[in-house]
Amino acid sequence: MISKAQFEKELQILISNAIREDVGDGDHSSLACIPASAQGKAKLLVKDEGIIAGVEFAKMIFDYVDPSMQVETFIEDGTPVKYGDVVFHVSGSSQSILKAERMVLNSMQRMSAIATKTNSYVKLLAGTNTTVLDTRKTTPGFRVAEKWAVQIGGGENHRFALYDMIMLKDNHIDFAGGIALAIAKTKEYLKQTNRDLKIIVEARNLGEVAEILASKGVYRILLDNFDYDTTKKAVALIGDSCLTESSGNINEETIRNYAECGVNYISSGALTHSVYNMDLSLKAI
C-alpha cells in the first residue's frame, strides 16, 4: 500500500482539482449577492441512515477553501447515523461556506454510502477470519476518498494503484505466455528495477493454482469466480504457502459462504462502484 504521506498528498490533489473544477474564476452567485464581510453558520444534516464518512475530509476541504472557517463536530467518522442527526456546524465567511458546500456534500454523500456498504459486508463476515477488501473499480480522480471510506466502514484497502503492488491477472498471464513465464518475468523485473513489491496472481481453476504454487514467491493467490466447493479445494491445496483471496460473484448472499471456505480475503468492486449516495444537506442556521 502507499504511505500515509502519499495518501495525504493524493487527498490534497483531489481537493485542489475539485475546487478548480467547481469554482473556476469565482463563485459568481455568492459574489453577486453576499458581501465579502458577511459571516454565517451552517449545519450538516442527515436525511438518511447508515455510517457517516468524510467528516475529517470535509474539514480538509473547508481548510483549503478558507483556513479561518471553524468546524464543531458532533458525530465522528464511522458512526451510525439516522434521519435528523446533525454531524457538524461550520462557521465563518458566508462566501467561503458556499464555495465549499458542493464538494463537501458530494464527497460525504458518496463516502458515507461506501462506508455503509462496507460495514454491512464486515458484519456479514463477523466470526470468520476473512477480511473484506476494495478494488481499483473506483471513480476516476476520487479513488483516495473512496478507499478512505472503505477503511472508515471497517474494511481494508487492496493495492491503491498499479504502482504499489504487482497483480498478474488473466490478460497478463495470457500475453506473457503462461503463469510460469509471467511470474518468472515479474521476479526478474523486480530484481532489475530494485523494487520490493508483493505479487498477487489470479487463478482461474485448480490447475492454475498448482502452477502458481510451483513458481513460489507469490504473496497471494486470487481465486477468480470459483464456486464454493472449488474454493475449499483451492484453500486446502494452498495451505500456508501464501494468502488467499476470493473475487467475483461477491454480494450480500454469497460473501459469508466464501468466507466459510477459509479464504483470508474477499475483494469486492461493489463497495465502490455500486452504491447509492447517502442523503445529506448543508443548511444555513
Protein backbone atom coordinates (compact mmCIF):
# COMPACT_ATOMS: atom_id res chain seq x y z
CA MET A 1 0.00 0.00 0.00
CA ILE A 2 1.01 3.61 -0.42
CA SER A 3 2.46 5.55 2.50
CA LYS A 4 0.47 7.87 4.74
CA ALA A 5 2.33 10.83 3.22
CA GLN A 6 1.37 9.76 -0.31
CA PHE A 7 -2.24 9.18 0.81
CA GLU A 8 -2.43 12.71 2.20
CA LYS A 9 -0.79 14.12 -0.93
CA GLU A 10 -3.45 12.42 -3.07
CA LEU A 11 -6.17 13.97 -0.89
CA GLN A 12 -4.75 17.46 -1.40
CA ILE A 13 -4.55 16.89 -5.17
CA LEU A 14 -8.16 15.73 -5.16
CA ILE A 15 -9.36 18.78 -3.24
CA SER A 16 -7.38 21.21 -5.36
CA ASN A 17 -8.68 19.76 -8.62
CA ALA A 18 -12.30 19.52 -7.43
CA ILE A 19 -12.37 23.14 -6.24
CA ARG A 20 -10.74 24.24 -9.50
CA GLU A 21 -13.38 22.32 -11.44
CA ASP A 22 -16.29 23.71 -9.44
CA VAL A 23 -15.24 27.31 -8.73
CA GLY A 24 -13.18 28.29 -11.75
CA ASP A 25 -12.61 32.06 -11.67
CA GLY A 26 -15.14 32.59 -8.89
CA ASP A 27 -18.44 31.64 -7.27
CA HIS A 28 -20.27 34.46 -9.00
CA SER A 29 -23.65 33.56 -7.45
CA SER A 30 -22.27 34.32 -3.99
CA LEU A 31 -20.04 37.17 -5.10
CA ALA A 32 -23.05 38.87 -6.69
CA CYS A 33 -25.34 38.97 -3.67
CA ILE A 34 -23.38 38.30 -0.47
CA PRO A 35 -20.96 40.88 0.96
CA ALA A 36 -17.38 39.71 1.41
CA SER A 37 -17.63 40.68 5.09
CA ALA A 38 -20.75 38.55 5.75
CA GLN A 39 -20.36 35.82 8.37
CA GLY A 40 -22.57 32.73 8.52
CA LYS A 41 -23.11 29.32 10.06
CA ALA A 42 -24.41 26.04 8.60
CA LYS A 43 -25.14 22.52 9.78
CA LEU A 44 -24.53 19.17 8.08
CA LEU A 45 -27.94 17.49 8.26
CA VAL A 46 -28.50 13.75 7.77
CA LYS A 47 -31.63 12.80 5.81
CA ASP A 48 -30.90 9.09 5.59
CA GLU A 49 -29.40 6.33 7.70
CA GLY A 50 -26.12 4.43 7.60
CA ILE A 51 -22.48 5.02 8.51
CA ILE A 52 -21.25 8.61 8.25
CA ALA A 53 -17.94 9.13 6.47
CA GLY A 54 -16.00 12.13 5.23
CA VAL A 55 -16.16 14.32 8.34
CA GLU A 56 -12.38 14.66 8.51
CA PHE A 57 -12.23 15.09 4.76
CA ALA A 58 -14.80 17.90 4.98
CA LYS A 59 -12.55 19.67 7.48
CA MET A 60 -9.70 19.43 4.96
CA ILE A 61 -11.92 20.94 2.26
CA PHE A 62 -13.06 23.82 4.47
CA ASP A 63 -9.45 24.48 5.48
CA TYR A 64 -8.34 24.51 1.83
CA VAL A 65 -11.08 26.96 0.82
CA ASP A 66 -10.65 29.24 3.85
CA PRO A 67 -8.47 28.33 6.87
CA SER A 68 -10.42 30.76 9.05
CA MET A 69 -13.59 28.65 8.93
CA GLN A 70 -14.37 26.77 12.14
CA VAL A 71 -15.93 23.29 12.37
CA GLU A 72 -17.66 22.00 15.51
CA THR A 73 -18.04 18.22 15.22
CA PHE A 74 -20.85 16.29 16.92
CA ILE A 75 -20.59 12.93 15.13
CA GLU A 76 -17.29 11.34 14.09
CA ASP A 77 -16.44 9.26 11.02
CA GLY A 78 -17.58 5.65 11.26
CA THR A 79 -20.60 6.38 13.47
CA PRO A 80 -24.09 5.08 12.63
CA VAL A 81 -26.46 7.99 11.83
CA LYS A 82 -30.19 8.40 11.25
CA TYR A 83 -32.56 10.94 9.76
CA GLY A 84 -32.35 14.27 11.58
CA ASP A 85 -28.87 13.87 13.02
CA VAL A 86 -26.56 16.88 12.80
CA VAL A 87 -22.97 15.88 12.10
CA PHE A 88 -21.24 19.25 12.46
CA HIS A 89 -21.59 23.02 12.36
CA VAL A 90 -19.32 25.13 10.19
CA SER A 91 -18.97 28.89 10.71
CA GLY A 92 -17.08 31.70 9.04
CA SER A 93 -17.29 33.66 5.83
CA SER A 94 -20.64 33.05 4.15
CA GLN A 95 -18.98 33.17 0.75
CA SER A 96 -16.44 30.54 1.83
CA ILE A 97 -19.09 28.19 3.23
CA LEU A 98 -20.99 28.35 -0.06
CA LYS A 99 -17.82 27.84 -2.10
CA ALA A 100 -17.00 24.62 -0.20
CA GLU A 101 -20.59 23.37 0.12
CA ARG A 102 -20.94 21.28 -3.03
CA MET A 103 -17.61 19.49 -2.74
CA VAL A 104 -18.26 18.70 0.92
CA LEU A 105 -21.70 17.26 0.13
CA ASN A 106 -20.64 15.35 -2.98
CA SER A 107 -17.73 13.80 -1.09
CA MET A 108 -19.53 12.96 2.14
CA GLN A 109 -22.60 11.55 0.39
CA ARG A 110 -20.52 9.09 -1.63
CA MET A 111 -18.05 8.29 1.15
CA SER A 112 -20.92 7.58 3.56
CA ALA A 113 -22.57 5.26 1.05
CA ILE A 114 -19.32 3.34 0.61
CA ALA A 115 -18.68 3.16 4.36
CA THR A 116 -22.24 1.93 4.89
CA LYS A 117 -21.96 -0.85 2.30
CA THR A 118 -18.52 -1.85 3.55
CA ASN A 119 -19.78 -2.02 7.11
CA SER A 120 -22.66 -4.26 6.05
CA TYR A 121 -20.14 -6.69 4.50
CA VAL A 122 -17.93 -6.54 7.59
CA LYS A 123 -20.90 -7.51 9.75
CA LEU A 124 -21.68 -10.44 7.46
CA LEU A 125 -18.11 -11.69 7.99
CA ALA A 126 -18.27 -11.47 11.79
CA GLY A 127 -16.81 -14.56 13.45
CA THR A 128 -14.76 -15.61 10.41
CA ASN A 129 -11.07 -14.97 9.74
CA THR A 130 -11.78 -13.21 6.46
CA THR A 131 -11.18 -9.53 5.68
CA VAL A 132 -13.10 -7.56 3.05
CA LEU A 133 -11.07 -5.57 0.50
CA ASP A 134 -11.91 -2.92 -2.07
CA THR A 135 -10.58 -2.89 -5.65
CA ARG A 136 -9.43 -0.36 -8.28
CA LYS A 137 -13.02 -0.10 -9.56
CA THR A 138 -13.28 3.45 -8.29
CA THR A 139 -14.45 6.82 -9.60
CA PRO A 140 -11.61 8.41 -11.63
CA GLY A 141 -9.99 11.18 -9.61
CA PHE A 142 -11.84 10.27 -6.41
CA ARG A 143 -10.10 7.00 -5.54
CA VAL A 144 -8.27 8.16 -2.43
CA ALA A 145 -11.50 9.34 -0.78
CA GLU A 146 -13.36 6.17 -1.73
CA LYS A 147 -10.62 3.96 -0.31
CA TRP A 148 -10.61 6.07 2.85
CA ALA A 149 -14.36 5.45 3.12
CA VAL A 150 -13.76 1.69 2.93
CA GLN A 151 -11.40 2.00 5.90
CA ILE A 152 -13.99 4.02 7.82
CA GLY A 153 -16.54 1.28 7.15
CA GLY A 154 -14.22 -1.34 8.68
CA GLY A 155 -12.75 -2.82 5.51
CA GLU A 156 -9.18 -2.79 4.26
CA ASN A 157 -7.65 -1.44 1.08
CA HIS A 158 -6.34 -3.62 -1.70
CA ARG A 159 -3.49 -2.08 -3.72
CA PHE A 160 -4.01 1.63 -4.25
CA ALA A 161 -2.99 1.69 -7.90
CA LEU A 162 -0.87 -0.06 -10.50
CA TYR A 163 2.37 1.09 -8.92
CA ASP A 164 2.23 -0.23 -5.34
CA MET A 165 1.67 -3.96 -5.93
CA ILE A 166 2.09 -6.50 -8.73
CA MET A 167 -1.16 -8.20 -9.72
CA LEU A 168 -0.96 -10.69 -12.57
CA LYS A 169 -4.47 -11.20 -13.94
CA ASP A 170 -5.67 -13.40 -16.79
CA ASN A 171 -4.65 -10.99 -19.56
CA HIS A 172 -1.15 -10.52 -18.13
CA ILE A 173 -0.75 -14.30 -17.94
CA ASP A 174 -2.06 -14.90 -21.46
CA PHE A 175 0.03 -12.11 -23.01
CA ALA A 176 3.15 -13.28 -21.14
CA GLY A 177 2.80 -16.87 -22.38
CA GLY A 178 1.52 -18.58 -19.25
CA ILE A 179 1.68 -18.48 -15.47
CA ALA A 180 5.24 -19.72 -15.02
CA LEU A 181 6.62 -17.25 -17.56
CA ALA A 182 4.59 -14.35 -16.17
CA ILE A 183 5.84 -14.97 -12.62
CA ALA A 184 9.45 -15.54 -13.72
CA LYS A 185 9.47 -12.35 -15.79
CA THR A 186 7.94 -10.43 -12.89
CA LYS A 187 10.59 -11.61 -10.44
CA GLU A 188 13.33 -10.64 -12.87
CA TYR A 189 11.75 -7.24 -13.46
CA LEU A 190 11.59 -6.54 -9.74
CA LYS A 191 15.21 -7.59 -9.36
CA GLN A 192 16.42 -5.44 -12.25
CA THR A 193 14.48 -2.37 -11.12
CA ASN A 194 15.29 -2.90 -7.43
CA ARG A 195 11.62 -2.80 -6.45
CA ASP A 196 10.13 -4.55 -3.43
CA LEU A 197 6.53 -5.17 -4.49
CA LYS A 198 4.27 -8.01 -3.39
CA ILE A 199 2.98 -10.33 -6.11
CA ILE A 200 -0.63 -11.45 -6.42
CA VAL A 201 -1.55 -13.91 -9.16
CA GLU A 202 -5.04 -14.68 -10.39
CA ALA A 203 -6.07 -18.31 -10.83
CA ARG A 204 -8.99 -19.44 -12.97
CA ASN A 205 -9.01 -23.09 -11.90
CA LEU A 206 -7.27 -25.56 -9.62
CA GLY A 207 -4.70 -26.38 -12.28
CA GLU A 208 -3.57 -22.76 -12.32
CA VAL A 209 -3.43 -22.73 -8.52
CA ALA A 210 -0.96 -25.65 -8.71
CA GLU A 211 1.10 -23.81 -11.34
CA ILE A 212 1.29 -20.68 -9.18
CA LEU A 213 2.37 -22.68 -6.14
CA ALA A 214 5.10 -24.38 -8.19
CA SER A 215 6.59 -21.00 -9.09
CA LYS A 216 6.90 -19.96 -5.43
CA GLY A 217 7.42 -16.41 -4.15
CA VAL A 218 3.80 -15.33 -4.61
CA TYR A 219 2.25 -13.28 -1.80
CA ARG A 220 -1.40 -14.05 -2.50
CA ILE A 221 -3.46 -16.15 -4.93
CA LEU A 222 -6.68 -14.60 -6.20
CA LEU A 223 -9.34 -17.26 -6.76
CA ASP A 224 -11.41 -15.67 -9.50
CA ASN A 225 -15.05 -16.73 -9.87
CA PHE A 226 -14.51 -20.07 -8.12
CA ASP A 227 -17.59 -21.83 -6.76
CA TYR A 228 -17.70 -22.75 -3.06
CA ASP A 229 -16.55 -26.34 -3.46
CA THR A 230 -13.61 -25.41 -5.69
CA THR A 231 -12.68 -22.59 -3.33
CA LYS A 232 -12.46 -25.06 -0.43
CA LYS A 233 -10.26 -27.35 -2.51
CA ALA A 234 -8.02 -24.43 -3.50
CA VAL A 235 -7.65 -23.29 0.12
CA ALA A 236 -6.67 -26.82 1.15
CA LEU A 237 -4.19 -27.08 -1.72
CA ILE A 238 -2.58 -23.72 -0.92
CA GLY A 239 -2.36 -24.31 2.83
CA ASP A 240 0.20 -21.98 4.39
CA SER A 241 2.15 -21.45 1.17
CA CYS A 242 0.61 -18.00 0.67
CA LEU A 243 -2.52 -15.97 1.36
CA THR A 244 -5.82 -16.48 -0.46
CA GLU A 245 -8.39 -14.08 -1.89
CA SER A 246 -11.81 -14.74 -3.37
CA SER A 247 -13.16 -12.40 -6.03
CA GLY A 248 -16.10 -12.41 -8.43
CA ASN A 249 -19.78 -13.04 -7.69
CA ILE A 250 -19.43 -11.36 -4.29
CA ASN A 251 -22.64 -9.96 -2.81
CA GLU A 252 -24.70 -9.99 0.39
CA GLU A 253 -25.89 -13.54 -0.32
CA THR A 254 -22.51 -15.09 -1.18
CA ILE A 255 -19.87 -13.30 0.89
CA ARG A 256 -20.37 -15.31 4.10
CA ASN A 257 -20.27 -18.61 2.19
CA TYR A 258 -16.94 -17.69 0.58
CA ALA A 259 -15.53 -16.66 3.95
CA GLU A 260 -16.51 -20.02 5.41
CA CYS A 261 -14.44 -21.67 2.68
CA GLY A 262 -11.41 -20.41 4.61
CA VAL A 263 -10.04 -17.62 2.40
CA ASN A 264 -8.04 -14.81 4.02
CA TYR A 265 -9.54 -12.02 1.94
CA ILE A 266 -12.59 -11.28 -0.16
CA SER A 267 -12.41 -8.39 -2.63
CA SER A 268 -15.48 -6.63 -3.96
CA GLY A 269 -15.69 -3.91 -6.57
CA ALA A 270 -19.29 -3.31 -5.50
CA LEU A 271 -18.04 -1.48 -2.40
CA THR A 272 -17.16 1.48 -4.60
CA HIS A 273 -18.93 1.07 -7.93
CA SER A 274 -22.44 0.08 -6.82
CA VAL A 275 -23.60 2.36 -4.05
CA TYR A 276 -26.37 4.93 -3.65
CA ASN A 277 -25.28 8.21 -2.10
CA MET A 278 -26.42 8.99 1.41
CA ASP A 279 -28.83 11.95 1.50
CA LEU A 280 -27.12 14.86 3.29
CA SER A 281 -27.68 18.62 3.28
CA LEU A 282 -25.72 21.66 4.39
CA LYS A 283 -28.27 24.12 5.74
CA ALA A 284 -27.78 27.68 7.00
CA ILE A 285 -28.65 28.21 10.66
